[in-house]
Amino acid sequence: MIREVTQSGDMKVSASTSHSQFTIHQLAARWNVHPLTIRRRIKAGEIRCLRYSRQLVRIELAEVERYESEARV
């Protein structure tokens, strides 16, 4: 989601098709795997993530692209 403030001061919220960060569920949907698979790969150190809290986890686009490029080899 992208939040923008218009010139009139109103808040505009729109969905973004290009993500700079993914949730575990978004990444699981992108790769067509179960979210637990993503969690296991994070725990194993295969995927780096940003932990804002115990439950708030994000994976950056650059990390997703890195992992995808290595998986294709």
N, C-alpha and C. Protein backbone atom coordinates (compact mmCIF):
# COMPACT_ATOMS: atom_id res chain seq x y z
N MET A 1 0.83 -1.18 0.00
CA MET A 1 0.00 0.00 0.00
C MET A 1 0.87 1.24 0.00
N ILE A 2 0.41 2.20 -0.73
CA ILE A 2 1.11 3.48 -0.77
C ILE A 2 0.18 4.53 -0.19
N ARG A 3 0.70 5.30 0.75
CA ARG A 3 -0.08 6.39 1.34
C ARG A 3 0.48 7.70 0.84
N GLU A 4 -0.38 8.51 0.27
CA GLU A 4 0.04 9.80 -0.24
C GLU A 4 -0.85 10.89 0.35
N VAL A 5 -0.29 12.06 0.53
CA VAL A 5 -1.06 13.21 0.96
C VAL A 5 -1.23 14.11 -0.25
N THR A 6 -2.48 14.40 -0.62
CA THR A 6 -2.76 15.24 -1.77
C THR A 6 -2.53 16.70 -1.41
N GLN A 7 -2.58 17.56 -2.41
CA GLN A 7 -2.37 18.99 -2.18
C GLN A 7 -3.42 19.58 -1.26
N SER A 8 -4.62 19.01 -1.28
CA SER A 8 -5.68 19.52 -0.41
C SER A 8 -5.54 19.00 1.02
N GLY A 9 -4.54 18.12 1.26
CA GLY A 9 -4.30 17.61 2.60
C GLY A 9 -4.99 16.29 2.90
N ASP A 10 -5.73 15.77 1.92
CA ASP A 10 -6.40 14.49 2.12
C ASP A 10 -5.41 13.34 1.99
N MET A 11 -5.68 12.26 2.71
CA MET A 11 -4.84 11.07 2.64
C MET A 11 -5.39 10.16 1.56
N LYS A 12 -4.52 9.74 0.66
CA LYS A 12 -4.91 8.85 -0.43
C LYS A 12 -4.14 7.54 -0.25
N VAL A 13 -4.85 6.43 -0.22
CA VAL A 13 -4.23 5.12 -0.06
C VAL A 13 -4.50 4.31 -1.32
N SER A 14 -3.43 3.74 -1.90
CA SER A 14 -3.60 2.93 -3.09
C SER A 14 -2.73 1.69 -3.00
N ALA A 15 -3.16 0.65 -3.68
CA ALA A 15 -2.37 -0.58 -3.70
C ALA A 15 -1.25 -0.41 -4.72
N SER A 16 -0.10 -0.95 -4.38
CA SER A 16 1.06 -0.87 -5.26
C SER A 16 1.30 -2.21 -5.91
N THR A 17 1.60 -2.21 -7.22
CA THR A 17 1.91 -3.47 -7.89
C THR A 17 3.39 -3.78 -7.77
N SER A 18 4.20 -2.79 -7.52
CA SER A 18 5.63 -3.05 -7.32
C SER A 18 5.95 -2.85 -5.84
N HIS A 19 6.45 -3.90 -5.22
CA HIS A 19 6.74 -3.87 -3.79
C HIS A 19 8.22 -3.63 -3.57
N SER A 20 8.54 -2.85 -2.55
CA SER A 20 9.93 -2.71 -2.15
C SER A 20 10.21 -3.63 -0.97
N GLN A 21 9.15 -4.04 -0.28
CA GLN A 21 9.24 -5.01 0.81
C GLN A 21 8.05 -5.95 0.74
N PHE A 22 8.27 -7.19 1.13
CA PHE A 22 7.22 -8.20 1.11
C PHE A 22 6.97 -8.71 2.52
N THR A 23 5.72 -9.04 2.80
CA THR A 23 5.42 -9.78 4.01
C THR A 23 5.69 -11.26 3.70
N ILE A 24 5.69 -12.07 4.73
CA ILE A 24 5.90 -13.51 4.52
C ILE A 24 4.79 -14.07 3.64
N HIS A 25 3.56 -13.64 3.85
CA HIS A 25 2.43 -14.15 3.07
C HIS A 25 2.50 -13.68 1.61
N GLN A 26 2.91 -12.44 1.39
CA GLN A 26 3.05 -11.95 0.01
C GLN A 26 4.13 -12.73 -0.74
N LEU A 27 5.25 -12.98 -0.07
CA LEU A 27 6.33 -13.72 -0.70
C LEU A 27 5.93 -15.17 -0.96
N ALA A 28 5.21 -15.76 -0.03
CA ALA A 28 4.73 -17.13 -0.22
C ALA A 28 3.80 -17.21 -1.43
N ALA A 29 2.94 -16.21 -1.60
CA ALA A 29 2.04 -16.18 -2.75
C ALA A 29 2.83 -16.00 -4.04
N ARG A 30 3.85 -15.17 -4.02
CA ARG A 30 4.69 -14.93 -5.21
C ARG A 30 5.38 -16.22 -5.65
N TRP A 31 5.86 -17.00 -4.67
CA TRP A 31 6.60 -18.22 -4.97
C TRP A 31 5.70 -19.46 -4.98
N ASN A 32 4.42 -19.28 -4.69
CA ASN A 32 3.46 -20.38 -4.65
C ASN A 32 3.90 -21.48 -3.68
N VAL A 33 4.27 -21.07 -2.48
CA VAL A 33 4.65 -21.99 -1.41
C VAL A 33 3.88 -21.62 -0.15
N HIS A 34 3.95 -22.47 0.85
CA HIS A 34 3.29 -22.19 2.13
C HIS A 34 4.12 -21.16 2.91
N PRO A 35 3.49 -20.26 3.66
CA PRO A 35 4.24 -19.28 4.45
C PRO A 35 5.25 -19.92 5.41
N LEU A 36 4.96 -21.12 5.89
CA LEU A 36 5.89 -21.81 6.77
C LEU A 36 7.22 -22.11 6.06
N THR A 37 7.16 -22.34 4.76
CA THR A 37 8.39 -22.56 3.97
C THR A 37 9.26 -21.32 4.02
N ILE A 38 8.66 -20.15 3.89
CA ILE A 38 9.41 -18.89 3.95
C ILE A 38 10.01 -18.72 5.34
N ARG A 39 9.21 -18.98 6.38
CA ARG A 39 9.71 -18.86 7.76
C ARG A 39 10.89 -19.80 8.01
N ARG A 40 10.82 -21.02 7.49
CA ARG A 40 11.92 -21.97 7.67
C ARG A 40 13.19 -21.49 6.98
N ARG A 41 13.04 -20.93 5.79
CA ARG A 41 14.22 -20.44 5.06
C ARG A 41 14.83 -19.22 5.74
N ILE A 42 14.00 -18.40 6.36
CA ILE A 42 14.51 -17.27 7.15
C ILE A 42 15.28 -17.81 8.36
N LYS A 43 14.68 -18.77 9.05
CA LYS A 43 15.32 -19.34 10.25
C LYS A 43 16.64 -20.02 9.90
N ALA A 44 16.71 -20.64 8.72
CA ALA A 44 17.93 -21.33 8.29
C ALA A 44 18.99 -20.34 7.79
N GLY A 45 18.62 -19.08 7.65
CA GLY A 45 19.57 -18.08 7.19
C GLY A 45 19.68 -17.99 5.68
N GLU A 46 18.80 -18.67 4.96
CA GLU A 46 18.81 -18.64 3.50
C GLU A 46 18.24 -17.34 2.96
N ILE A 47 17.31 -16.77 3.69
CA ILE A 47 16.67 -15.50 3.31
C ILE A 47 16.88 -14.51 4.44
N ARG A 48 17.44 -13.35 4.11
CA ARG A 48 17.61 -12.29 5.11
C ARG A 48 16.32 -11.48 5.19
N CYS A 49 15.99 -11.04 6.39
CA CYS A 49 14.76 -10.27 6.57
C CYS A 49 15.00 -9.11 7.52
N LEU A 50 14.05 -8.23 7.55
CA LEU A 50 14.04 -7.11 8.49
C LEU A 50 13.00 -7.45 9.56
N ARG A 51 13.42 -7.47 10.80
CA ARG A 51 12.50 -7.74 11.90
C ARG A 51 12.27 -6.44 12.67
N TYR A 52 11.06 -5.93 12.55
CA TYR A 52 10.69 -4.72 13.27
C TYR A 52 10.19 -5.07 14.66
N SER A 53 9.66 -6.27 14.80
CA SER A 53 9.25 -6.83 16.09
C SER A 53 9.17 -8.34 15.90
N ARG A 54 8.73 -9.04 16.91
CA ARG A 54 8.66 -10.50 16.81
C ARG A 54 7.74 -10.94 15.69
N GLN A 55 6.66 -10.21 15.49
CA GLN A 55 5.66 -10.59 14.49
C GLN A 55 5.77 -9.80 13.19
N LEU A 56 6.40 -8.65 13.22
CA LEU A 56 6.46 -7.80 12.04
C LEU A 56 7.76 -8.06 11.29
N VAL A 57 7.67 -8.84 10.22
CA VAL A 57 8.83 -9.26 9.45
C VAL A 57 8.62 -8.83 8.00
N ARG A 58 9.66 -8.27 7.40
CA ARG A 58 9.60 -7.86 6.00
C ARG A 58 10.85 -8.36 5.28
N ILE A 59 10.68 -8.71 4.00
CA ILE A 59 11.79 -9.14 3.17
C ILE A 59 11.90 -8.11 2.04
N GLU A 60 13.10 -7.55 1.87
CA GLU A 60 13.28 -6.51 0.86
C GLU A 60 13.33 -7.11 -0.55
N LEU A 61 12.92 -6.31 -1.52
CA LEU A 61 12.89 -6.73 -2.91
C LEU A 61 14.26 -7.21 -3.38
N ALA A 62 15.32 -6.53 -3.00
CA ALA A 62 16.67 -6.92 -3.42
C ALA A 62 17.01 -8.32 -2.91
N GLU A 63 16.57 -8.65 -1.71
CA GLU A 63 16.81 -9.98 -1.15
C GLU A 63 16.01 -11.03 -1.90
N VAL A 64 14.78 -10.71 -2.25
CA VAL A 64 13.94 -11.63 -3.01
C VAL A 64 14.59 -11.91 -4.37
N GLU A 65 15.04 -10.86 -5.05
CA GLU A 65 15.68 -11.02 -6.35
C GLU A 65 16.98 -11.80 -6.24
N ARG A 66 17.75 -11.58 -5.17
CA ARG A 66 19.00 -12.32 -4.96
C ARG A 66 18.70 -13.81 -4.81
N TYR A 67 17.73 -14.13 -3.98
CA TYR A 67 17.39 -15.52 -3.74
C TYR A 67 16.86 -16.18 -5.01
N GLU A 68 16.01 -15.47 -5.76
CA GLU A 68 15.48 -16.01 -7.00
C GLU A 68 16.57 -16.28 -8.03
N SER A 69 17.55 -15.37 -8.12
CA SER A 69 18.62 -15.55 -9.09
C SER A 69 19.52 -16.74 -8.71
N GLU A 70 19.75 -16.94 -7.42
CA GLU A 70 20.55 -18.07 -6.97
C GLU A 70 19.80 -19.39 -7.16
N ALA A 71 18.49 -19.36 -7.03
CA ALA A 71 17.69 -20.57 -7.16
C ALA A 71 17.62 -21.04 -8.61
N ARG A 72 17.82 -20.14 -9.54
CA ARG A 72 17.74 -20.49 -10.96
C ARG A 72 19.01 -21.13 -11.49
N VAL A 73 20.09 -21.07 -10.72
CA VAL A 73 21.38 -21.59 -11.18
C VAL A 73 21.38 -23.09 -11.21
